[in-house]
Amino acid sequence: MSSYKIIFDEDAKKDLYSHLIYYYKIDKKLGKRFYLLVKKTVSPLSRHPRMAQIRYKNVHTLPVNGFPFLIHFIIDDLLKHVKIIAIIHTSSNPNNWPDI
């Protein structure tokens, strides 16, 4: 299986940045840990894009271990892309999740 390129869309970048700022304000080590765990969660998607089941519509989700967040992503087999569309707190209202 060929590798898929992992892309963060603008909303996902904003989500990541806002969560990083939040955790860095609490403790720099906590912010770094959050970032590294997001990276560790996303990294295997390049080789195994279907490692998570579809959660809604055509969107897959993966938990960020140790933090209450889900990474939402879609797969484009034609372009060989995994597009991260959001990083959302698990207690957020699903009605506020990204609309595809």
C-alpha atoms as a PDB file:
ATOM      1  CA  MET A   1       0.000   0.000   0.000  1.00  0.00           C
ATOM      2  CA  SER A   2       1.342   3.418  -0.928  1.00  0.00           C
ATOM      3  CA  SER A   3       1.529   6.220   1.589  1.00  0.00           C
ATOM      4  CA  TYR A   4      -1.140   8.845   1.944  1.00  0.00           C
ATOM      5  CA  LYS A   5      -0.249  12.477   2.507  1.00  0.00           C
ATOM      6  CA  ILE A   6      -1.618  13.941   5.740  1.00  0.00           C
ATOM      7  CA  ILE A   7      -3.070  17.432   5.388  1.00  0.00           C
ATOM      8  CA  PHE A   8      -4.481  19.695   8.104  1.00  0.00           C
ATOM      9  CA  ASP A   9      -7.155  22.030   6.766  1.00  0.00           C
ATOM     10  CA  GLU A  10      -7.368  25.577   8.127  1.00  0.00           C
ATOM     11  CA  ASP A  11     -10.063  24.765  10.706  1.00  0.00           C
ATOM     12  CA  ALA A  12      -8.030  21.846  12.062  1.00  0.00           C
ATOM     13  CA  LYS A  13      -4.943  24.066  12.287  1.00  0.00           C
ATOM     14  CA  LYS A  14      -6.959  26.622  14.266  1.00  0.00           C
ATOM     15  CA  ASP A  15      -8.280  23.868  16.546  1.00  0.00           C
ATOM     16  CA  LEU A  16      -4.784  22.529  17.175  1.00  0.00           C
ATOM     17  CA  TYR A  17      -3.362  25.985  17.834  1.00  0.00           C
ATOM     18  CA  SER A  18      -6.135  26.910  20.255  1.00  0.00           C
ATOM     19  CA  HIS A  19      -5.789  23.649  22.216  1.00  0.00           C
ATOM     20  CA  LEU A  20      -1.996  24.032  22.292  1.00  0.00           C
ATOM     21  CA  ILE A  21      -2.269  27.552  23.679  1.00  0.00           C
ATOM     22  CA  TYR A  22      -4.700  26.344  26.339  1.00  0.00           C
ATOM     23  CA  TYR A  23      -2.390  23.551  27.515  1.00  0.00           C
ATOM     24  CA  TYR A  24       0.785  25.662  27.259  1.00  0.00           C
ATOM     25  CA  LYS A  25      -0.818  28.238  29.563  1.00  0.00           C
ATOM     26  CA  ILE A  26      -1.380  25.496  32.124  1.00  0.00           C
ATOM     27  CA  ASP A  27       2.091  23.977  31.724  1.00  0.00           C
ATOM     28  CA  LYS A  28       4.548  24.058  28.826  1.00  0.00           C
ATOM     29  CA  LYS A  29       5.251  20.342  29.245  1.00  0.00           C
ATOM     30  CA  LEU A  30       1.542  19.612  29.009  1.00  0.00           C
ATOM     31  CA  GLY A  31       1.295  21.607  25.775  1.00  0.00           C
ATOM     32  CA  LYS A  32       4.259  19.745  24.317  1.00  0.00           C
ATOM     33  CA  ARG A  33       2.763  16.406  25.412  1.00  0.00           C
ATOM     34  CA  PHE A  34      -0.543  17.270  23.726  1.00  0.00           C
ATOM     35  CA  TYR A  35       1.225  18.202  20.485  1.00  0.00           C
ATOM     36  CA  LEU A  36       3.342  15.042  20.469  1.00  0.00           C
ATOM     37  CA  LEU A  37       0.304  12.838  21.119  1.00  0.00           C
ATOM     38  CA  VAL A  38      -1.647  14.477  18.291  1.00  0.00           C
ATOM     39  CA  LYS A  39       1.343  13.873  16.018  1.00  0.00           C
ATOM     40  CA  LYS A  40       1.626  10.252  17.234  1.00  0.00           C
ATOM     41  CA  THR A  41      -2.109   9.699  16.638  1.00  0.00           C
ATOM     42  CA  VAL A  42      -2.060  11.146  13.116  1.00  0.00           C
ATOM     43  CA  SER A  43       1.219   9.650  11.915  1.00  0.00           C
ATOM     44  CA  PRO A  44       0.002   6.050  11.276  1.00  0.00           C
ATOM     45  CA  LEU A  45      -2.756   7.385   9.016  1.00  0.00           C
ATOM     46  CA  SER A  46      -0.246   7.798   6.203  1.00  0.00           C
ATOM     47  CA  ARG A  47       0.118   4.001   5.994  1.00  0.00           C
ATOM     48  CA  HIS A  48      -3.231   2.926   7.460  1.00  0.00           C
ATOM     49  CA  PRO A  49      -5.827   5.581   6.624  1.00  0.00           C
ATOM     50  CA  ARG A  50      -8.735   3.284   7.475  1.00  0.00           C
ATOM     51  CA  MET A  51      -7.517   2.405  10.961  1.00  0.00           C
ATOM     52  CA  ALA A  52     -10.577   4.173  12.375  1.00  0.00           C
ATOM     53  CA  GLN A  53     -14.159   3.507  11.461  1.00  0.00           C
ATOM     54  CA  ILE A  54     -16.472   6.108   9.970  1.00  0.00           C
ATOM     55  CA  ARG A  55     -18.145   8.047  12.772  1.00  0.00           C
ATOM     56  CA  TYR A  56     -20.559  10.211  10.763  1.00  0.00           C
ATOM     57  CA  LYS A  57     -21.137  10.933   7.093  1.00  0.00           C
ATOM     58  CA  ASN A  58     -17.755  10.132   5.531  1.00  0.00           C
ATOM     59  CA  VAL A  59     -15.731  11.284   8.549  1.00  0.00           C
ATOM     60  CA  HIS A  60     -13.468   9.039  10.596  1.00  0.00           C
ATOM     61  CA  THR A  61     -12.388   9.890  14.145  1.00  0.00           C
ATOM     62  CA  LEU A  62      -9.473   8.884  16.343  1.00  0.00           C
ATOM     63  CA  PRO A  63      -9.034   9.698  20.039  1.00  0.00           C
ATOM     64  CA  VAL A  64      -5.969  11.551  21.287  1.00  0.00           C
ATOM     65  CA  ASN A  65      -4.849   9.215  24.076  1.00  0.00           C
ATOM     66  CA  GLY A  66      -4.563  10.967  27.409  1.00  0.00           C
ATOM     67  CA  PHE A  67      -6.593  13.983  26.281  1.00  0.00           C
ATOM     68  CA  PRO A  68     -10.354  14.415  25.758  1.00  0.00           C
ATOM     69  CA  PHE A  69     -10.180  15.106  22.026  1.00  0.00           C
ATOM     70  CA  LEU A  70     -11.149  13.377  18.794  1.00  0.00           C
ATOM     71  CA  ILE A  71      -9.297  13.946  15.541  1.00  0.00           C
ATOM     72  CA  HIS A  72     -11.819  14.109  12.675  1.00  0.00           C
ATOM     73  CA  PHE A  73     -10.574  13.257   9.188  1.00  0.00           C
ATOM     74  CA  ILE A  74     -11.650  12.275   5.703  1.00  0.00           C
ATOM     75  CA  ILE A  75      -9.862  10.080   3.193  1.00  0.00           C
ATOM     76  CA  ASP A  76      -9.397  10.945  -0.468  1.00  0.00           C
ATOM     77  CA  ASP A  77      -8.280   7.783  -2.250  1.00  0.00           C
ATOM     78  CA  LEU A  78      -7.988   9.507  -5.607  1.00  0.00           C
ATOM     79  CA  LEU A  79      -5.482  12.082  -4.351  1.00  0.00           C
ATOM     80  CA  LYS A  80      -4.030   9.748  -1.679  1.00  0.00           C
ATOM     81  CA  HIS A  81      -4.724  12.318   1.054  1.00  0.00           C
ATOM     82  CA  VAL A  82      -5.892  12.056   4.622  1.00  0.00           C
ATOM     83  CA  LYS A  83      -7.386  15.430   5.439  1.00  0.00           C
ATOM     84  CA  ILE A  84      -7.625  16.367   9.112  1.00  0.00           C
ATOM     85  CA  ILE A  85     -10.710  18.585   9.355  1.00  0.00           C
ATOM     86  CA  ALA A  86     -11.042  19.129  13.116  1.00  0.00           C
ATOM     87  CA  ILE A  87      -9.692  18.348  16.567  1.00  0.00           C
ATOM     88  CA  ILE A  88     -12.698  18.541  18.864  1.00  0.00           C
ATOM     89  CA  HIS A  89     -13.225  18.071  22.600  1.00  0.00           C
ATOM     90  CA  THR A  90     -15.175  14.904  23.320  1.00  0.00           C
ATOM     91  CA  SER A  91     -17.773  16.766  25.385  1.00  0.00           C
ATOM     92  CA  SER A  92     -18.666  19.133  22.542  1.00  0.00           C
ATOM     93  CA  ASN A  93     -22.109  18.936  21.022  1.00  0.00           C
ATOM     94  CA  PRO A  94     -22.057  16.716  17.895  1.00  0.00           C
ATOM     95  CA  ASN A  95     -24.336  19.273  16.226  1.00  0.00           C
ATOM     96  CA  ASN A  96     -21.301  21.580  16.244  1.00  0.00           C
ATOM     97  CA  TRP A  97     -19.010  19.061  14.538  1.00  0.00           C
ATOM     98  CA  PRO A  98     -17.769  19.814  11.013  1.00  0.00           C
ATOM     99  CA  ASP A  99     -20.342  19.528   8.275  1.00  0.00           C
ATOM    100  CA  ILE A 100     -19.050  17.734   5.214  1.00  0.00           C
END
